[in-house]
Structure formats: C-alpha cells, structure tokens
Amino acid sequence: MCLGIPMRIVRIDNLKALCEANGFEREIDLFLLQHEALAPGDYLVTHLGQAIQ
C-alpha cells in the first residue's frame, strides 16, 4: 500500500523543496516533477521524501 502525504511548498532550492504539513517540515526531492512549474504555496503529494504528484 502506498501512503501519499499532501504537503505545501514553503521554499524551493533547485530540485529540493522545504515542505510543510500539520506543523511538520520536511525536505522533498522534486526530481520527478522537474518539468512542472512549482512555486511556494503550491501543494504536492509526497511519498518517502519524493514528490510524486
């Protein structure tokens, strides 16, 4: 079973993003979404430290 967690982007630095959900912050790898136009405030789904959607 795959558990995807929606998180809000706080800051982006190259292909890494600092994301927040429920008061917790985590660094997320954006490699799989590198061709998407992402900006702070956007939401994405994460799994094991990777942005998947």
N, C-alpha and C. Protein backbone atom coordinates (compact mmCIF):
# COMPACT_ATOMS: atom_id res chain seq x y z
N MET A 1 0.84 -1.17 0.00
CA MET A 1 0.00 0.00 0.00
C MET A 1 0.89 1.24 0.00
N CYS A 2 0.55 2.19 -0.80
CA CYS A 2 1.31 3.44 -0.92
C CYS A 2 0.61 4.53 -0.12
N LEU A 3 1.35 5.22 0.72
CA LEU A 3 0.78 6.29 1.51
C LEU A 3 1.33 7.61 0.99
N GLY A 4 0.52 8.39 0.31
CA GLY A 4 0.92 9.70 -0.19
C GLY A 4 0.45 10.77 0.78
N ILE A 5 1.32 11.71 1.08
CA ILE A 5 1.00 12.78 2.02
C ILE A 5 1.00 14.11 1.29
N PRO A 6 -0.12 14.84 1.29
CA PRO A 6 -0.13 16.16 0.68
C PRO A 6 0.64 17.15 1.55
N MET A 7 1.50 17.94 0.92
CA MET A 7 2.31 18.93 1.63
C MET A 7 2.33 20.24 0.85
N ARG A 8 2.51 21.34 1.59
CA ARG A 8 2.59 22.67 0.98
C ARG A 8 4.06 23.06 0.86
N ILE A 9 4.43 23.58 -0.31
CA ILE A 9 5.80 24.03 -0.54
C ILE A 9 6.04 25.35 0.19
N VAL A 10 7.10 25.40 1.00
CA VAL A 10 7.48 26.62 1.71
C VAL A 10 8.58 27.34 0.95
N ARG A 11 9.57 26.58 0.48
CA ARG A 11 10.73 27.17 -0.21
C ARG A 11 11.27 26.15 -1.20
N ILE A 12 11.77 26.63 -2.34
CA ILE A 12 12.36 25.76 -3.36
C ILE A 12 13.81 26.18 -3.59
N ASP A 13 14.71 25.19 -3.63
CA ASP A 13 16.12 25.41 -3.92
C ASP A 13 16.55 24.33 -4.91
N ASN A 14 16.65 24.70 -6.19
CA ASN A 14 16.95 23.76 -7.27
C ASN A 14 15.92 22.65 -7.30
N LEU A 15 16.31 21.40 -7.09
CA LEU A 15 15.37 20.29 -7.13
C LEU A 15 15.01 19.78 -5.73
N LYS A 16 15.16 20.63 -4.74
CA LYS A 16 14.76 20.32 -3.36
C LYS A 16 13.75 21.36 -2.92
N ALA A 17 12.78 20.93 -2.15
CA ALA A 17 11.78 21.85 -1.62
C ALA A 17 11.60 21.59 -0.13
N LEU A 18 11.48 22.66 0.62
CA LEU A 18 11.11 22.54 2.02
C LEU A 18 9.58 22.58 2.04
N CYS A 19 8.97 21.51 2.54
CA CYS A 19 7.51 21.40 2.53
C CYS A 19 7.00 21.25 3.95
N GLU A 20 5.72 21.63 4.14
CA GLU A 20 5.12 21.62 5.47
C GLU A 20 3.76 20.95 5.41
N ALA A 21 3.46 20.17 6.46
CA ALA A 21 2.14 19.57 6.63
C ALA A 21 1.89 19.40 8.13
N ASN A 22 0.79 19.92 8.61
CA ASN A 22 0.41 19.80 10.02
C ASN A 22 1.50 20.24 10.99
N GLY A 23 2.23 21.29 10.64
CA GLY A 23 3.26 21.82 11.52
C GLY A 23 4.62 21.14 11.40
N PHE A 24 4.73 20.10 10.60
CA PHE A 24 6.00 19.41 10.40
C PHE A 24 6.59 19.82 9.06
N GLU A 25 7.90 20.06 9.04
CA GLU A 25 8.59 20.42 7.80
C GLU A 25 9.51 19.27 7.39
N ARG A 26 9.64 19.10 6.08
CA ARG A 26 10.49 18.03 5.55
C ARG A 26 11.05 18.47 4.21
N GLU A 27 12.30 18.08 3.92
CA GLU A 27 12.90 18.36 2.62
C GLU A 27 12.45 17.29 1.64
N ILE A 28 11.93 17.72 0.50
CA ILE A 28 11.37 16.82 -0.50
C ILE A 28 12.13 16.97 -1.81
N ASP A 29 12.44 15.85 -2.44
CA ASP A 29 13.13 15.84 -3.73
C ASP A 29 12.11 16.07 -4.85
N LEU A 30 12.38 17.03 -5.74
CA LEU A 30 11.46 17.38 -6.82
C LEU A 30 11.87 16.79 -8.17
N PHE A 31 12.81 15.85 -8.19
CA PHE A 31 13.33 15.34 -9.45
C PHE A 31 12.23 14.84 -10.39
N LEU A 32 11.26 14.10 -9.86
CA LEU A 32 10.20 13.55 -10.70
C LEU A 32 9.26 14.62 -11.26
N LEU A 33 9.28 15.81 -10.68
CA LEU A 33 8.43 16.91 -11.14
C LEU A 33 9.27 18.06 -11.69
N GLN A 34 10.46 17.79 -12.14
CA GLN A 34 11.38 18.85 -12.55
C GLN A 34 10.87 19.69 -13.71
N HIS A 35 9.93 19.18 -14.51
CA HIS A 35 9.42 19.94 -15.64
C HIS A 35 8.11 20.67 -15.32
N GLU A 36 7.68 20.60 -14.07
CA GLU A 36 6.46 21.29 -13.63
C GLU A 36 6.81 22.69 -13.13
N ALA A 37 5.89 23.61 -13.29
CA ALA A 37 6.07 24.98 -12.78
C ALA A 37 5.58 25.01 -11.33
N LEU A 38 6.48 24.81 -10.40
CA LEU A 38 6.13 24.80 -8.98
C LEU A 38 6.58 26.09 -8.32
N ALA A 39 5.83 26.52 -7.31
CA ALA A 39 6.15 27.75 -6.59
C ALA A 39 5.76 27.58 -5.12
N PRO A 40 6.37 28.36 -4.24
CA PRO A 40 5.96 28.31 -2.83
C PRO A 40 4.46 28.57 -2.72
N GLY A 41 3.81 27.79 -1.85
CA GLY A 41 2.36 27.88 -1.69
C GLY A 41 1.62 26.77 -2.42
N ASP A 42 2.27 26.16 -3.42
CA ASP A 42 1.66 25.04 -4.14
C ASP A 42 1.64 23.81 -3.25
N TYR A 43 0.71 22.92 -3.53
CA TYR A 43 0.62 21.65 -2.81
C TYR A 43 1.07 20.53 -3.73
N LEU A 44 1.68 19.51 -3.13
CA LEU A 44 2.06 18.32 -3.88
C LEU A 44 1.90 17.10 -2.99
N VAL A 45 1.87 15.93 -3.63
CA VAL A 45 1.75 14.67 -2.89
C VAL A 45 3.15 14.07 -2.79
N THR A 46 3.52 13.64 -1.60
CA THR A 46 4.86 13.11 -1.37
C THR A 46 4.79 11.68 -0.87
N HIS A 47 5.85 10.94 -1.14
CA HIS A 47 5.99 9.57 -0.65
C HIS A 47 7.47 9.29 -0.45
N LEU A 48 7.88 8.95 0.77
CA LEU A 48 9.27 8.62 1.09
C LEU A 48 10.24 9.71 0.66
N GLY A 49 9.86 10.97 0.86
CA GLY A 49 10.76 12.08 0.56
C GLY A 49 10.81 12.50 -0.90
N GLN A 50 9.94 11.93 -1.74
CA GLN A 50 9.87 12.25 -3.16
C GLN A 50 8.52 12.88 -3.47
N ALA A 51 8.53 13.90 -4.32
CA ALA A 51 7.27 14.46 -4.81
C ALA A 51 6.78 13.55 -5.94
N ILE A 52 5.55 13.08 -5.84
CA ILE A 52 5.05 12.15 -6.85
C ILE A 52 3.89 12.72 -7.64
N GLN A 53 3.35 13.87 -7.25
CA GLN A 53 2.23 14.42 -7.97
C GLN A 53 2.10 15.89 -7.71
